[in-house]
Amino acid sequence: MNPLSLSMATFAVSTIYIVWQNYRQLMARRERILRERVTYMLWCAANQEEYDESLSQC
């Protein structure tokens, strides 16, 4: 068998694997950022509610 065809197959598999890994990392990063934003939004909403309650008691 031609050694060039074996190295091309290895190169193709390696390229597909690297592209897949980069895609997975990108999706994980996007999900983490979304979770951080939702957490911050909920934290701000909870603090706003406490702030509104303290104003109504005056």
C-alpha atoms as a PDB file:
ATOM      1  CA  MET A   1       0.000   0.000   0.000  1.00  0.00           C
ATOM      2  CA  ASN A   2       1.169   3.501  -0.773  1.00  0.00           C
ATOM      3  CA  PRO A   3       2.591   5.215   2.367  1.00  0.00           C
ATOM      4  CA  LEU A   4       1.223   8.556   1.169  1.00  0.00           C
ATOM      5  CA  SER A   5      -2.364   7.296   1.268  1.00  0.00           C
ATOM      6  CA  LEU A   6      -1.914   6.116   4.868  1.00  0.00           C
ATOM      7  CA  SER A   7      -0.530   9.460   5.975  1.00  0.00           C
ATOM      8  CA  MET A   8      -3.352  11.289   4.167  1.00  0.00           C
ATOM      9  CA  ALA A   9      -5.934   9.167   5.976  1.00  0.00           C
ATOM     10  CA  THR A  10      -4.240   9.894   9.301  1.00  0.00           C
ATOM     11  CA  PHE A  11      -4.167  13.586   8.468  1.00  0.00           C
ATOM     12  CA  ALA A  12      -7.869  13.564   7.573  1.00  0.00           C
ATOM     13  CA  VAL A  13      -8.865  11.813  10.806  1.00  0.00           C
ATOM     14  CA  SER A  14      -6.689  14.178  12.857  1.00  0.00           C
ATOM     15  CA  THR A  15      -8.191  17.219  11.144  1.00  0.00           C
ATOM     16  CA  ILE A  16     -11.748  16.027  11.748  1.00  0.00           C
ATOM     17  CA  TYR A  17     -10.939  15.352  15.413  1.00  0.00           C
ATOM     18  CA  ILE A  18      -9.373  18.796  15.929  1.00  0.00           C
ATOM     19  CA  VAL A  19     -12.318  20.548  14.276  1.00  0.00           C
ATOM     20  CA  TRP A  20     -14.771  18.559  16.443  1.00  0.00           C
ATOM     21  CA  GLN A  21     -12.843  19.385  19.630  1.00  0.00           C
ATOM     22  CA  ASN A  22     -12.793  23.097  18.765  1.00  0.00           C
ATOM     23  CA  TYR A  23     -16.526  23.027  18.076  1.00  0.00           C
ATOM     24  CA  ARG A  24     -17.225  21.336  21.425  1.00  0.00           C
ATOM     25  CA  GLN A  25     -15.073  23.894  23.261  1.00  0.00           C
ATOM     26  CA  LEU A  26     -16.878  26.752  21.539  1.00  0.00           C
ATOM     27  CA  MET A  27     -20.301  25.353  22.470  1.00  0.00           C
ATOM     28  CA  ALA A  28     -19.207  24.768  26.079  1.00  0.00           C
ATOM     29  CA  ARG A  29     -17.888  28.339  26.292  1.00  0.00           C
ATOM     30  CA  ARG A  30     -21.127  29.790  24.887  1.00  0.00           C
ATOM     31  CA  GLU A  31     -23.177  27.769  27.352  1.00  0.00           C
ATOM     32  CA  ARG A  32     -20.977  28.861  30.273  1.00  0.00           C
ATOM     33  CA  ILE A  33     -21.292  32.527  29.292  1.00  0.00           C
ATOM     34  CA  LEU A  34     -25.071  32.173  28.994  1.00  0.00           C
ATOM     35  CA  ARG A  35     -25.280  30.559  32.439  1.00  0.00           C
ATOM     36  CA  GLU A  36     -23.146  33.355  33.927  1.00  0.00           C
ATOM     37  CA  ARG A  37     -25.415  36.003  32.401  1.00  0.00           C
ATOM     38  CA  VAL A  38     -28.577  34.337  33.681  1.00  0.00           C
ATOM     39  CA  THR A  39     -27.025  33.980  37.135  1.00  0.00           C
ATOM     40  CA  TYR A  40     -26.101  37.663  37.175  1.00  0.00           C
ATOM     41  CA  MET A  41     -29.593  38.656  35.995  1.00  0.00           C
ATOM     42  CA  LEU A  42     -31.212  36.620  38.783  1.00  0.00           C
ATOM     43  CA  TRP A  43     -28.778  38.031  41.342  1.00  0.00           C
ATOM     44  CA  CYS A  44     -29.606  41.595  40.258  1.00  0.00           C
ATOM     45  CA  ALA A  45     -33.343  40.886  40.362  1.00  0.00           C
ATOM     46  CA  ALA A  46     -33.066  39.439  43.877  1.00  0.00           C
ATOM     47  CA  ASN A  47     -31.069  42.438  45.089  1.00  0.00           C
ATOM     48  CA  GLN A  48     -33.514  44.859  43.480  1.00  0.00           C
ATOM     49  CA  GLU A  49     -36.406  43.225  45.309  1.00  0.00           C
ATOM     50  CA  GLU A  50     -34.589  43.599  48.656  1.00  0.00           C
ATOM     51  CA  TYR A  51     -33.818  47.233  47.826  1.00  0.00           C
ATOM     52  CA  ASP A  52     -37.473  47.941  46.969  1.00  0.00           C
ATOM     53  CA  GLU A  53     -38.641  46.355  50.253  1.00  0.00           C
ATOM     54  CA  SER A  54     -36.269  48.492  52.319  1.00  0.00           C
ATOM     55  CA  LEU A  55     -37.567  51.659  50.641  1.00  0.00           C
ATOM     56  CA  SER A  56     -41.201  50.805  51.353  1.00  0.00           C
ATOM     57  CA  GLN A  57     -40.512  50.450  55.080  1.00  0.00           C
ATOM     58  CA  CYS A  58     -39.365  54.075  55.441  1.00  0.00           C
END
